[in-house]
C-alpha atoms as a PDB file:
ATOM      1  CA  MET A   1       0.000   0.000   0.000  1.00  0.00           C
ATOM      2  CA  GLU A   2       1.310   3.381  -0.939  1.00  0.00           C
ATOM      3  CA  GLY A   3       0.526   6.338   1.262  1.00  0.00           C
ATOM      4  CA  LYS A   4       1.633   9.710   2.417  1.00  0.00           C
ATOM      5  CA  ASN A   5       3.698  10.010   5.577  1.00  0.00           C
ATOM      6  CA  ASP A   6       3.656  13.432   7.192  1.00  0.00           C
ATOM      7  CA  TYR A   7       6.053  14.063  10.016  1.00  0.00           C
ATOM      8  CA  GLU A   8       6.688  17.380  11.645  1.00  0.00           C
ATOM      9  CA  LEU A   9       8.658  18.675  14.585  1.00  0.00           C
ATOM     10  CA  GLU A  10       7.835  21.979  16.215  1.00  0.00           C
ATOM     11  CA  PHE A  11      11.445  22.894  16.974  1.00  0.00           C
ATOM     12  CA  ILE A  12      14.982  21.770  16.287  1.00  0.00           C
ATOM     13  CA  LEU A  13      17.307  23.174  18.930  1.00  0.00           C
ATOM     14  CA  ASN A  14      21.037  23.744  18.592  1.00  0.00           C
ATOM     15  CA  ILE A  15      22.585  23.526  22.056  1.00  0.00           C
ATOM     16  CA  ASN A  16      26.371  23.685  22.192  1.00  0.00           C
ATOM     17  CA  ASN A  17      26.510  22.539  18.547  1.00  0.00           C
ATOM     18  CA  ARG A  18      24.297  19.531  19.251  1.00  0.00           C
ATOM     19  CA  ILE A  19      20.975  19.132  17.481  1.00  0.00           C
ATOM     20  CA  ILE A  20      17.977  18.312  19.692  1.00  0.00           C
ATOM     21  CA  PRO A  21      14.546  17.700  18.158  1.00  0.00           C
ATOM     22  CA  LEU A  22      11.673  19.032  20.261  1.00  0.00           C
ATOM     23  CA  ASP A  23       8.156  17.799  19.544  1.00  0.00           C
ATOM     24  CA  VAL A  24       5.029  19.240  21.165  1.00  0.00           C
ATOM     25  CA  LYS A  25       1.882  17.110  21.429  1.00  0.00           C
ATOM     26  CA  LYS A  26      -1.505  18.500  22.465  1.00  0.00           C
ATOM     27  CA  GLY A  27      -2.414  15.162  24.017  1.00  0.00           C
ATOM     28  CA  LYS A  28      -0.191  12.350  25.160  1.00  0.00           C
ATOM     29  CA  GLY A  29       0.881  11.899  21.550  1.00  0.00           C
ATOM     30  CA  ARG A  30       2.874   9.307  19.651  1.00  0.00           C
ATOM     31  CA  LEU A  31       6.563   9.545  18.879  1.00  0.00           C
ATOM     32  CA  ASN A  32       6.383   9.051  15.095  1.00  0.00           C
ATOM     33  CA  SER A  33       7.929  12.420  14.220  1.00  0.00           C
ATOM     34  CA  ILE A  34      10.822  12.134  16.649  1.00  0.00           C
ATOM     35  CA  LEU A  35      11.588   8.534  15.748  1.00  0.00           C
ATOM     36  CA  ASN A  36      11.454   9.254  12.004  1.00  0.00           C
ATOM     37  CA  PHE A  37      13.700  12.313  12.370  1.00  0.00           C
ATOM     38  CA  ARG A  38      16.218  10.321  14.372  1.00  0.00           C
ATOM     39  CA  LEU A  39      16.345   7.530  11.795  1.00  0.00           C
ATOM     40  CA  HIS A  40      18.014   9.986   9.432  1.00  0.00           C
ATOM     41  CA  ASN A  41      19.594  12.366  11.974  1.00  0.00           C
ATOM     42  CA  PRO A  42      21.149  10.594  14.962  1.00  0.00           C
ATOM     43  CA  THR A  43      20.971  12.745  18.107  1.00  0.00           C
ATOM     44  CA  ASP A  44      22.013  12.305  21.731  1.00  0.00           C
ATOM     45  CA  VAL A  45      18.534  13.062  23.035  1.00  0.00           C
ATOM     46  CA  ALA A  46      15.106  14.192  21.858  1.00  0.00           C
ATOM     47  CA  ILE A  47      12.479  16.087  23.836  1.00  0.00           C
ATOM     48  CA  LYS A  48       8.725  15.567  23.809  1.00  0.00           C
ATOM     49  CA  VAL A  49       6.437  18.096  25.502  1.00  0.00           C
ATOM     50  CA  SER A  50       2.950  16.768  26.266  1.00  0.00           C
ATOM     51  CA  LYS A  51       0.307  16.050  28.902  1.00  0.00           C
ATOM     52  CA  ASN A  52       2.432  13.150  30.139  1.00  0.00           C
ATOM     53  CA  ASN A  53       4.384  13.331  33.345  1.00  0.00           C
ATOM     54  CA  TYR A  54       8.135  13.765  33.347  1.00  0.00           C
ATOM     55  CA  GLY A  55      10.003  10.691  32.148  1.00  0.00           C
ATOM     56  CA  TYR A  56      12.978   9.423  30.218  1.00  0.00           C
ATOM     57  CA  ASP A  57      12.846   6.588  27.703  1.00  0.00           C
ATOM     58  CA  GLU A  58      16.403   5.270  27.890  1.00  0.00           C
ATOM     59  CA  SER A  59      16.110   2.908  24.919  1.00  0.00           C
ATOM     60  CA  ASN A  60      15.002   5.723  22.561  1.00  0.00           C
ATOM     61  CA  LYS A  61      16.769   8.538  24.465  1.00  0.00           C
ATOM     62  CA  ILE A  62      13.608  10.635  24.655  1.00  0.00           C
ATOM     63  CA  LEU A  63      12.999  13.050  27.506  1.00  0.00           C
ATOM     64  CA  THR A  64       9.293  13.692  28.099  1.00  0.00           C
ATOM     65  CA  ILE A  65       8.280  16.802  30.008  1.00  0.00           C
ATOM     66  CA  PRO A  66       4.833  18.148  30.876  1.00  0.00           C
ATOM     67  CA  PHE A  67       3.682  21.481  29.405  1.00  0.00           C
ATOM     68  CA  TYR A  68       4.133  23.379  32.651  1.00  0.00           C
ATOM     69  CA  TYR A  69       7.832  22.438  32.791  1.00  0.00           C
ATOM     70  CA  LEU A  70       8.760  23.968  29.411  1.00  0.00           C
ATOM     71  CA  PRO A  71       9.706  27.433  30.822  1.00  0.00           C
ATOM     72  CA  PHE A  72      12.057  25.737  33.310  1.00  0.00           C
ATOM     73  CA  LEU A  73      13.661  23.684  30.549  1.00  0.00           C
ATOM     74  CA  LEU A  74      14.167  26.792  28.417  1.00  0.00           C
ATOM     75  CA  ASP A  75      15.674  28.599  31.406  1.00  0.00           C
ATOM     76  CA  ASP A  76      18.118  25.703  31.894  1.00  0.00           C
ATOM     77  CA  ILE A  77      19.036  25.813  28.204  1.00  0.00           C
ATOM     78  CA  ILE A  78      19.571  29.594  28.232  1.00  0.00           C
ATOM     79  CA  ASN A  79      21.706  29.388  31.366  1.00  0.00           C
ATOM     80  CA  ASP A  80      23.714  26.466  29.975  1.00  0.00           C
ATOM     81  CA  ASN A  81      22.443  24.111  32.702  1.00  0.00           C
ATOM     82  CA  PHE A  82      20.823  21.577  30.386  1.00  0.00           C
ATOM     83  CA  CYS A  83      22.657  18.281  30.713  1.00  0.00           C
ATOM     84  CA  TYR A  84      21.970  15.274  28.534  1.00  0.00           C
END
């Protein structure tokens, strides 16, 4: 079956010359966009922002943060305190 695959990421961050895909989901969301991006662009970590609680998927190297935590994450990135 032939079909159309649409994948999109909201942001691609460059932190200390490392690329980090950041995907925002209005619900809990699936990881299709992040996983597809990383098939062609290996990265150390990817970030998903959603309704889910904080968590880290070690096998896929995906950090999940809830919506309310995004300003804190951005503050850590700006102040060079984001470790991955």
